[in-house]
Amino acid sequence: MTSDQLAAAVESAVKAAKARVMGVGKDQYETPDGNQGFESMSLAELLDWASEEAEDLMVYAVMLQIRITRVKRILRERINA
């Protein structure tokens, strides 16, 4: 992979993240005055929210690890077949 290809992959990921912010994120997190919900949270609310998001990240990481393990197993089986 060239640097240009890697940069293009990063750009694609950023575009996907932007689409999420402007789509489902806008529906879930934008306040009626057009700001983001986190901007008006108290510090305690922000820390609670961040803690919940960290817990979600842990779950997503484990789910991803499960899928990676399964794909590796299938690839090994096909290579050894």
PDB file of N, CA and C in Angstrom:
ATOM      1  N   MET A   1       0.850  -1.176   0.000  1.00  0.00           N
ATOM      2  CA  MET A   1       0.000   0.000   0.000  1.00  0.00           C
ATOM      3  C   MET A   1       0.893   1.234   0.000  1.00  0.00           C
ATOM      4  N   THR A   2       0.630   2.131  -0.922  1.00  0.00           N
ATOM      5  CA  THR A   2       1.404   3.361  -0.989  1.00  0.00           C
ATOM      6  C   THR A   2       0.861   4.372   0.026  1.00  0.00           C
ATOM      7  N   SER A   3       1.629   5.419   0.251  1.00  0.00           N
ATOM      8  CA  SER A   3       1.159   6.492   1.136  1.00  0.00           C
ATOM      9  C   SER A   3      -0.118   7.117   0.583  1.00  0.00           C
ATOM     10  N   ASP A   4      -0.191   7.277  -0.733  1.00  0.00           N
ATOM     11  CA  ASP A   4      -1.404   7.830  -1.343  1.00  0.00           C
ATOM     12  C   ASP A   4      -2.619   6.928  -1.109  1.00  0.00           C
ATOM     13  N   GLN A   5      -2.406   5.626  -1.210  1.00  0.00           N
ATOM     14  CA  GLN A   5      -3.499   4.688  -0.968  1.00  0.00           C
ATOM     15  C   GLN A   5      -3.946   4.724   0.488  1.00  0.00           C
ATOM     16  N   LEU A   6      -2.974   4.791   1.394  1.00  0.00           N
ATOM     17  CA  LEU A   6      -3.308   4.885   2.807  1.00  0.00           C
ATOM     18  C   LEU A   6      -4.067   6.180   3.088  1.00  0.00           C
ATOM     19  N   ALA A   7      -3.607   7.286   2.520  1.00  0.00           N
ATOM     20  CA  ALA A   7      -4.288   8.568   2.702  1.00  0.00           C
ATOM     21  C   ALA A   7      -5.715   8.505   2.159  1.00  0.00           C
ATOM     22  N   ALA A   8      -5.908   7.831   1.048  1.00  0.00           N
ATOM     23  CA  ALA A   8      -7.252   7.682   0.482  1.00  0.00           C
ATOM     24  C   ALA A   8      -8.147   6.856   1.403  1.00  0.00           C
ATOM     25  N   ALA A   9      -7.582   5.823   2.030  1.00  0.00           N
ATOM     26  CA  ALA A   9      -8.350   5.008   2.969  1.00  0.00           C
ATOM     27  C   ALA A   9      -8.738   5.826   4.195  1.00  0.00           C
ATOM     28  N   VAL A  10      -7.810   6.660   4.675  1.00  0.00           N
ATOM     29  CA  VAL A  10      -8.112   7.540   5.811  1.00  0.00           C
ATOM     30  C   VAL A  10      -9.212   8.515   5.428  1.00  0.00           C
ATOM     31  N   GLU A  11      -9.112   9.088   4.241  1.00  0.00           N
ATOM     32  CA  GLU A  11     -10.131  10.030   3.769  1.00  0.00           C
ATOM     33  C   GLU A  11     -11.498   9.369   3.678  1.00  0.00           C
ATOM     34  N   SER A  12     -11.536   8.150   3.213  1.00  0.00           N
ATOM     35  CA  SER A  12     -12.788   7.400   3.133  1.00  0.00           C
ATOM     36  C   SER A  12     -13.398   7.181   4.514  1.00  0.00           C
ATOM     37  N   ALA A  13     -12.543   6.849   5.484  1.00  0.00           N
ATOM     38  CA  ALA A  13     -13.026   6.645   6.856  1.00  0.00           C
ATOM     39  C   ALA A  13     -13.560   7.945   7.442  1.00  0.00           C
ATOM     40  N   VAL A  14     -12.882   9.050   7.163  1.00  0.00           N
ATOM     41  CA  VAL A  14     -13.342  10.354   7.659  1.00  0.00           C
ATOM     42  C   VAL A  14     -14.691  10.710   7.033  1.00  0.00           C
ATOM     43  N   LYS A  15     -14.854  10.433   5.747  1.00  0.00           N
ATOM     44  CA  LYS A  15     -16.133  10.696   5.084  1.00  0.00           C
ATOM     45  C   LYS A  15     -17.249   9.865   5.707  1.00  0.00           C
ATOM     46  N   ALA A  16     -16.961   8.605   6.031  1.00  0.00           N
ATOM     47  CA  ALA A  16     -17.965   7.755   6.670  1.00  0.00           C
ATOM     48  C   ALA A  16     -18.325   8.287   8.054  1.00  0.00           C
ATOM     49  N   ALA A  17     -17.325   8.752   8.803  1.00  0.00           N
ATOM     50  CA  ALA A  17     -17.582   9.326  10.126  1.00  0.00           C
ATOM     51  C   ALA A  17     -18.413  10.597  10.003  1.00  0.00           C
ATOM     52  N   LYS A  18     -18.086  11.420   9.014  1.00  0.00           N
ATOM     53  CA  LYS A  18     -18.853  12.651   8.786  1.00  0.00           C
ATOM     54  C   LYS A  18     -20.303  12.326   8.463  1.00  0.00           C
ATOM     55  N   ALA A  19     -20.527  11.310   7.653  1.00  0.00           N
ATOM     56  CA  ALA A  19     -21.897  10.904   7.314  1.00  0.00           C
ATOM     57  C   ALA A  19     -22.662  10.474   8.562  1.00  0.00           C
ATOM     58  N   ARG A  20     -21.987   9.807   9.478  1.00  0.00           N
ATOM     59  CA  ARG A  20     -22.639   9.403  10.732  1.00  0.00           C
ATOM     60  C   ARG A  20     -22.989  10.622  11.581  1.00  0.00           C
ATOM     61  N   VAL A  21     -22.077  11.596  11.643  1.00  0.00           N
ATOM     62  CA  VAL A  21     -22.343  12.824  12.411  1.00  0.00           C
ATOM     63  C   VAL A  21     -23.546  13.555  11.832  1.00  0.00           C
ATOM     64  N   MET A  22     -23.612  13.629  10.514  1.00  0.00           N
ATOM     65  CA  MET A  22     -24.680  14.383   9.862  1.00  0.00           C
ATOM     66  C   MET A  22     -25.988  13.601   9.750  1.00  0.00           C
ATOM     67  N   GLY A  23     -25.930  12.299   9.983  1.00  0.00           N
ATOM     68  CA  GLY A  23     -27.119  11.458   9.904  1.00  0.00           C
ATOM     69  C   GLY A  23     -27.629  11.089  11.282  1.00  0.00           C
ATOM     70  N   VAL A  24     -27.317   9.881  11.698  1.00  0.00           N
ATOM     71  CA  VAL A  24     -27.815   9.374  12.979  1.00  0.00           C
ATOM     72  C   VAL A  24     -27.305  10.204  14.150  1.00  0.00           C
ATOM     73  N   GLY A  25     -26.076  10.699  14.056  1.00  0.00           N
ATOM     74  CA  GLY A  25     -25.531  11.530  15.134  1.00  0.00           C
ATOM     75  C   GLY A  25     -26.293  12.823  15.304  1.00  0.00           C
ATOM     76  N   LYS A  26     -26.668  13.434  14.186  1.00  0.00           N
ATOM     77  CA  LYS A  26     -27.431  14.677  14.240  1.00  0.00           C
ATOM     78  C   LYS A  26     -28.780  14.437  14.912  1.00  0.00           C
ATOM     79  N   ASP A  27     -29.413  13.323  14.543  1.00  0.00           N
ATOM     80  CA  ASP A  27     -30.704  12.982  15.147  1.00  0.00           C
ATOM     81  C   ASP A  27     -30.588  12.729  16.646  1.00  0.00           C
ATOM     82  N   GLN A  28     -29.498  12.099  17.052  1.00  0.00           N
ATOM     83  CA  GLN A  28     -29.353  11.701  18.449  1.00  0.00           C
ATOM     84  C   GLN A  28     -28.730  12.770  19.340  1.00  0.00           C
ATOM     85  N   TYR A  29     -27.841  13.590  18.807  1.00  0.00           N
ATOM     86  CA  TYR A  29     -27.031  14.433  19.681  1.00  0.00           C
ATOM     87  C   TYR A  29     -27.195  15.934  19.484  1.00  0.00           C
ATOM     88  N   GLU A  30     -27.799  16.354  18.366  1.00  0.00           N
ATOM     89  CA  GLU A  30     -27.953  17.788  18.160  1.00  0.00           C
ATOM     90  C   GLU A  30     -29.153  18.300  18.954  1.00  0.00           C
ATOM     91  N   THR A  31     -28.953  19.404  19.658  1.00  0.00           N
ATOM     92  CA  THR A  31     -30.018  20.000  20.462  1.00  0.00           C
ATOM     93  C   THR A  31     -30.880  20.917  19.587  1.00  0.00           C
ATOM     94  N   PRO A  32     -32.062  21.278  20.070  1.00  0.00           N
ATOM     95  CA  PRO A  32     -32.938  22.148  19.268  1.00  0.00           C
ATOM     96  C   PRO A  32     -32.287  23.475  18.854  1.00  0.00           C
ATOM     97  N   ASP A  33     -31.330  23.962  19.632  1.00  0.00           N
ATOM     98  CA  ASP A  33     -30.663  25.225  19.277  1.00  0.00           C
ATOM     99  C   ASP A  33     -29.489  25.024  18.307  1.00  0.00           C
ATOM    100  N   GLY A  34     -29.295  23.785  17.844  1.00  0.00           N
ATOM    101  CA  GLY A  34     -28.266  23.510  16.844  1.00  0.00           C
ATOM    102  C   GLY A  34     -26.902  23.171  17.390  1.00  0.00           C
ATOM    103  N   ASN A  35     -26.761  23.093  18.694  1.00  0.00           N
ATOM    104  CA  ASN A  35     -25.486  22.702  19.306  1.00  0.00           C
ATOM    105  C   ASN A  35     -25.452  21.193  19.512  1.00  0.00           C
ATOM    106  N   GLN A  36     -24.294  20.714  19.903  1.00  0.00           N
ATOM    107  CA  GLN A  36     -24.149  19.306  20.244  1.00  0.00           C
ATOM    108  C   GLN A  36     -24.473  19.115  21.721  1.00  0.00           C
ATOM    109  N   GLY A  37     -25.139  18.017  22.048  1.00  0.00           N
ATOM    110  CA  GLY A  37     -25.559  17.771  23.418  1.00  0.00           C
ATOM    111  C   GLY A  37     -24.432  17.834  24.430  1.00  0.00           C
ATOM    112  N   PHE A  38     -23.253  17.360  24.052  1.00  0.00           N
ATOM    113  CA  PHE A  38     -22.150  17.340  25.015  1.00  0.00           C
ATOM    114  C   PHE A  38     -21.719  18.742  25.439  1.00  0.00           C
ATOM    115  N   GLU A  39     -22.013  19.737  24.601  1.00  0.00           N
ATOM    116  CA  GLU A  39     -21.582  21.104  24.906  1.00  0.00           C
ATOM    117  C   GLU A  39     -22.299  21.692  26.117  1.00  0.00           C
ATOM    118  N   SER A  40     -23.501  21.228  26.387  1.00  0.00           N
ATOM    119  CA  SER A  40     -24.265  21.789  27.500  1.00  0.00           C
ATOM    120  C   SER A  40     -24.332  20.854  28.704  1.00  0.00           C
ATOM    121  N   MET A  41     -23.634  19.732  28.640  1.00  0.00           N
ATOM    122  CA  MET A  41     -23.627  18.796  29.764  1.00  0.00           C
ATOM    123  C   MET A  41     -22.804  19.365  30.915  1.00  0.00           C
ATOM    124  N   SER A  42     -23.246  19.052  32.114  1.00  0.00           N
ATOM    125  CA  SER A  42     -22.402  19.360  33.264  1.00  0.00           C
ATOM    126  C   SER A  42     -21.202  18.419  33.215  1.00  0.00           C
ATOM    127  N   LEU A  43     -20.193  18.734  33.992  1.00  0.00           N
ATOM    128  CA  LEU A  43     -19.017  17.867  34.015  1.00  0.00           C
ATOM    129  C   LEU A  43     -19.401  16.452  34.451  1.00  0.00           C
ATOM    130  N   ALA A  44     -20.280  16.336  35.443  1.00  0.00           N
ATOM    131  CA  ALA A  44     -20.710  15.016  35.911  1.00  0.00           C
ATOM    132  C   ALA A  44     -21.438  14.258  34.804  1.00  0.00           C
ATOM    133  N   GLU A  45     -22.319  14.949  34.074  1.00  0.00           N
ATOM    134  CA  GLU A  45     -23.039  14.302  32.971  1.00  0.00           C
ATOM    135  C   GLU A  45     -22.078  13.874  31.870  1.00  0.00           C
ATOM    136  N   LEU A  46     -21.119  14.728  31.565  1.00  0.00           N
ATOM    137  CA  LEU A  46     -20.147  14.413  30.530  1.00  0.00           C
ATOM    138  C   LEU A  46     -19.309  13.198  30.914  1.00  0.00           C
ATOM    139  N   LEU A  47     -18.910  13.128  32.170  1.00  0.00           N
ATOM    140  CA  LEU A  47     -18.113  11.982  32.630  1.00  0.00           C
ATOM    141  C   LEU A  47     -18.937  10.707  32.621  1.00  0.00           C
ATOM    142  N   ASP A  48     -20.215  10.784  33.004  1.00  0.00           N
ATOM    143  CA  ASP A  48     -21.095   9.609  32.933  1.00  0.00           C
ATOM    144  C   ASP A  48     -21.232   9.132  31.489  1.00  0.00           C
ATOM    145  N   TRP A  49     -21.469  10.087  30.583  1.00  0.00           N
ATOM    146  CA  TRP A  49     -21.621   9.766  29.170  1.00  0.00           C
ATOM    147  C   TRP A  49     -20.337   9.149  28.618  1.00  0.00           C
ATOM    148  N   ALA A  50     -19.203   9.746  28.944  1.00  0.00           N
ATOM    149  CA  ALA A  50     -17.923   9.241  28.465  1.00  0.00           C
ATOM    150  C   ALA A  50     -17.651   7.834  28.995  1.00  0.00           C
ATOM    151  N   SER A  51     -18.029   7.590  30.232  1.00  0.00           N
ATOM    152  CA  SER A  51     -17.847   6.263  30.824  1.00  0.00           C
ATOM    153  C   SER A  51     -18.693   5.226  30.083  1.00  0.00           C
ATOM    154  N   GLU A  52     -19.928   5.585  29.769  1.00  0.00           N
ATOM    155  CA  GLU A  52     -20.791   4.671  29.018  1.00  0.00           C
ATOM    156  C   GLU A  52     -20.225   4.403  27.625  1.00  0.00           C
ATOM    157  N   GLU A  53     -19.705   5.439  26.987  1.00  0.00           N
ATOM    158  CA  GLU A  53     -19.111   5.270  25.663  1.00  0.00           C
ATOM    159  C   GLU A  53     -17.876   4.363  25.745  1.00  0.00           C
ATOM    160  N   ALA A  54     -17.079   4.503  26.782  1.00  0.00           N
ATOM    161  CA  ALA A  54     -15.909   3.639  26.966  1.00  0.00           C
ATOM    162  C   ALA A  54     -16.337   2.187  27.138  1.00  0.00           C
ATOM    163  N   GLU A  55     -17.423   1.971  27.881  1.00  0.00           N
ATOM    164  CA  GLU A  55     -17.947   0.608  28.040  1.00  0.00           C
ATOM    165  C   GLU A  55     -18.395   0.052  26.700  1.00  0.00           C
ATOM    166  N   ASP A  56     -19.068   0.878  25.890  1.00  0.00           N
ATOM    167  CA  ASP A  56     -19.479   0.445  24.552  1.00  0.00           C
ATOM    168  C   ASP A  56     -18.270   0.086  23.702  1.00  0.00           C
ATOM    169  N   LEU A  57     -17.209   0.893  23.781  1.00  0.00           N
ATOM    170  CA  LEU A  57     -15.996   0.602  23.013  1.00  0.00           C
ATOM    171  C   LEU A  57     -15.406  -0.752  23.397  1.00  0.00           C
ATOM    172  N   MET A  58     -15.444  -1.062  24.690  1.00  0.00           N
ATOM    173  CA  MET A  58     -14.929  -2.362  25.127  1.00  0.00           C
ATOM    174  C   MET A  58     -15.741  -3.493  24.508  1.00  0.00           C
ATOM    175  N   VAL A  59     -17.054  -3.341  24.498  1.00  0.00           N
ATOM    176  CA  VAL A  59     -17.919  -4.381  23.920  1.00  0.00           C
ATOM    177  C   VAL A  59     -17.639  -4.525  22.424  1.00  0.00           C
ATOM    178  N   TYR A  60     -17.538  -3.403  21.713  1.00  0.00           N
ATOM    179  CA  TYR A  60     -17.255  -3.453  20.279  1.00  0.00           C
ATOM    180  C   TYR A  60     -15.908  -4.098  20.012  1.00  0.00           C
ATOM    181  N   ALA A  61     -14.925  -3.802  20.840  1.00  0.00           N
ATOM    182  CA  ALA A  61     -13.599  -4.397  20.674  1.00  0.00           C
ATOM    183  C   ALA A  61     -13.659  -5.913  20.837  1.00  0.00           C
ATOM    184  N   VAL A  62     -14.405  -6.386  21.819  1.00  0.00           N
ATOM    185  CA  VAL A  62     -14.523  -7.834  22.031  1.00  0.00           C
ATOM    186  C   VAL A  62     -15.271  -8.468  20.861  1.00  0.00           C
ATOM    187  N   MET A  63     -16.344  -7.824  20.399  1.00  0.00           N
ATOM    188  CA  MET A  63     -17.073  -8.370  19.251  1.00  0.00           C
ATOM    189  C   MET A  63     -16.171  -8.465  18.035  1.00  0.00           C
ATOM    190  N   LEU A  64     -15.365  -7.426  17.802  1.00  0.00           N
ATOM    191  CA  LEU A  64     -14.435  -7.431  16.689  1.00  0.00           C
ATOM    192  C   LEU A  64     -13.399  -8.537  16.857  1.00  0.00           C
ATOM    193  N   GLN A  65     -12.890  -8.714  18.065  1.00  0.00           N
ATOM    194  CA  GLN A  65     -11.911  -9.765  18.321  1.00  0.00           C
ATOM    195  C   GLN A  65     -12.506 -11.143  18.047  1.00  0.00           C
ATOM    196  N   ILE A  66     -13.751 -11.361  18.418  1.00  0.00           N
ATOM    197  CA  ILE A  66     -14.424 -12.637  18.138  1.00  0.00           C
ATOM    198  C   ILE A  66     -14.474 -12.883  16.642  1.00  0.00           C
ATOM    199  N   ARG A  67     -14.870 -11.859  15.889  1.00  0.00           N
ATOM    200  CA  ARG A  67     -14.973 -12.022  14.436  1.00  0.00           C
ATOM    201  C   ARG A  67     -13.599 -12.260  13.809  1.00  0.00           C
ATOM    202  N   ILE A  68     -12.577 -11.546  14.277  1.00  0.00           N
ATOM    203  CA  ILE A  68     -11.217 -11.740  13.760  1.00  0.00           C
ATOM    204  C   ILE A  68     -10.759 -13.163  14.019  1.00  0.00           C
ATOM    205  N   THR A  69     -11.011 -13.669  15.212  1.00  0.00           N
ATOM    206  CA  THR A  69     -10.626 -15.035  15.556  1.00  0.00           C
ATOM    207  C   THR A  69     -11.306 -16.041  14.639  1.00  0.00           C
ATOM    208  N   ARG A  70     -12.586 -15.823  14.371  1.00  0.00           N
ATOM    209  CA  ARG A  70     -13.319 -16.735  13.483  1.00  0.00           C
ATOM    210  C   ARG A  70     -12.779 -16.688  12.060  1.00  0.00           C
ATOM    211  N   VAL A  71     -12.491 -15.511  11.550  1.00  0.00           N
ATOM    212  CA  VAL A  71     -11.948 -15.386  10.196  1.00  0.00           C
ATOM    213  C   VAL A  71     -10.576 -16.046  10.115  1.00  0.00           C
ATOM    214  N   LYS A  72      -9.732 -15.832  11.120  1.00  0.00           N
ATOM    215  CA  LYS A  72      -8.415 -16.470  11.139  1.00  0.00           C
ATOM    216  C   LYS A  72      -8.552 -17.985  11.127  1.00  0.00           C
ATOM    217  N   ARG A  73      -9.487 -18.523  11.895  1.00  0.00           N
ATOM    218  CA  ARG A  73      -9.685 -19.973  11.941  1.00  0.00           C
ATOM    219  C   ARG A  73     -10.094 -20.491  10.562  1.00  0.00           C
ATOM    220  N   ILE A  74     -11.025 -19.805   9.914  1.00  0.00           N
ATOM    221  CA  ILE A  74     -11.476 -20.222   8.589  1.00  0.00           C
ATOM    222  C   ILE A  74     -10.334 -20.162   7.587  1.00  0.00           C
ATOM    223  N   LEU A  75      -9.541 -19.096   7.636  1.00  0.00           N
ATOM    224  CA  LEU A  75      -8.410 -18.973   6.714  1.00  0.00           C
ATOM    225  C   LEU A  75      -7.392 -20.091   6.932  1.00  0.00           C
ATOM    226  N   ARG A  76      -7.113 -20.390   8.198  1.00  0.00           N
ATOM    227  CA  ARG A  76      -6.167 -21.488   8.492  1.00  0.00           C
ATOM    228  C   ARG A  76      -6.698 -22.813   7.951  1.00  0.00           C
ATOM    229  N   GLU A  77      -7.994 -23.061   8.152  1.00  0.00           N
ATOM    230  CA  GLU A  77      -8.594 -24.315   7.667  1.00  0.00           C
ATOM    231  C   GLU A  77      -8.498 -24.418   6.157  1.00  0.00           C
ATOM    232  N   ARG A  78      -8.722 -23.323   5.455  1.00  0.00           N
ATOM    233  CA  ARG A  78      -8.667 -23.338   3.997  1.00  0.00           C
ATOM    234  C   ARG A  78      -7.226 -23.505   3.499  1.00  0.00           C
ATOM    235  N   ILE A  79      -6.279 -22.896   4.193  1.00  0.00           N
ATOM    236  CA  ILE A  79      -4.877 -23.018   3.784  1.00  0.00           C
ATOM    237  C   ILE A  79      -4.385 -24.448   4.023  1.00  0.00           C
ATOM    238  N   ASN A  80      -4.824 -25.066   5.117  1.00  0.00           N
ATOM    239  CA  ASN A  80      -4.379 -26.413   5.479  1.00  0.00           C
ATOM    240  C   ASN A  80      -5.188 -27.494   4.807  1.00  0.00           C
ATOM    241  N   ALA A  81      -6.230 -27.141   4.072  1.00  0.00           N
ATOM    242  CA  ALA A  81      -7.093 -28.149   3.443  1.00  0.00           C
ATOM    243  C   ALA A  81      -6.471 -28.721   2.203  1.00  0.00           C
TER     244      ALA A  81
END
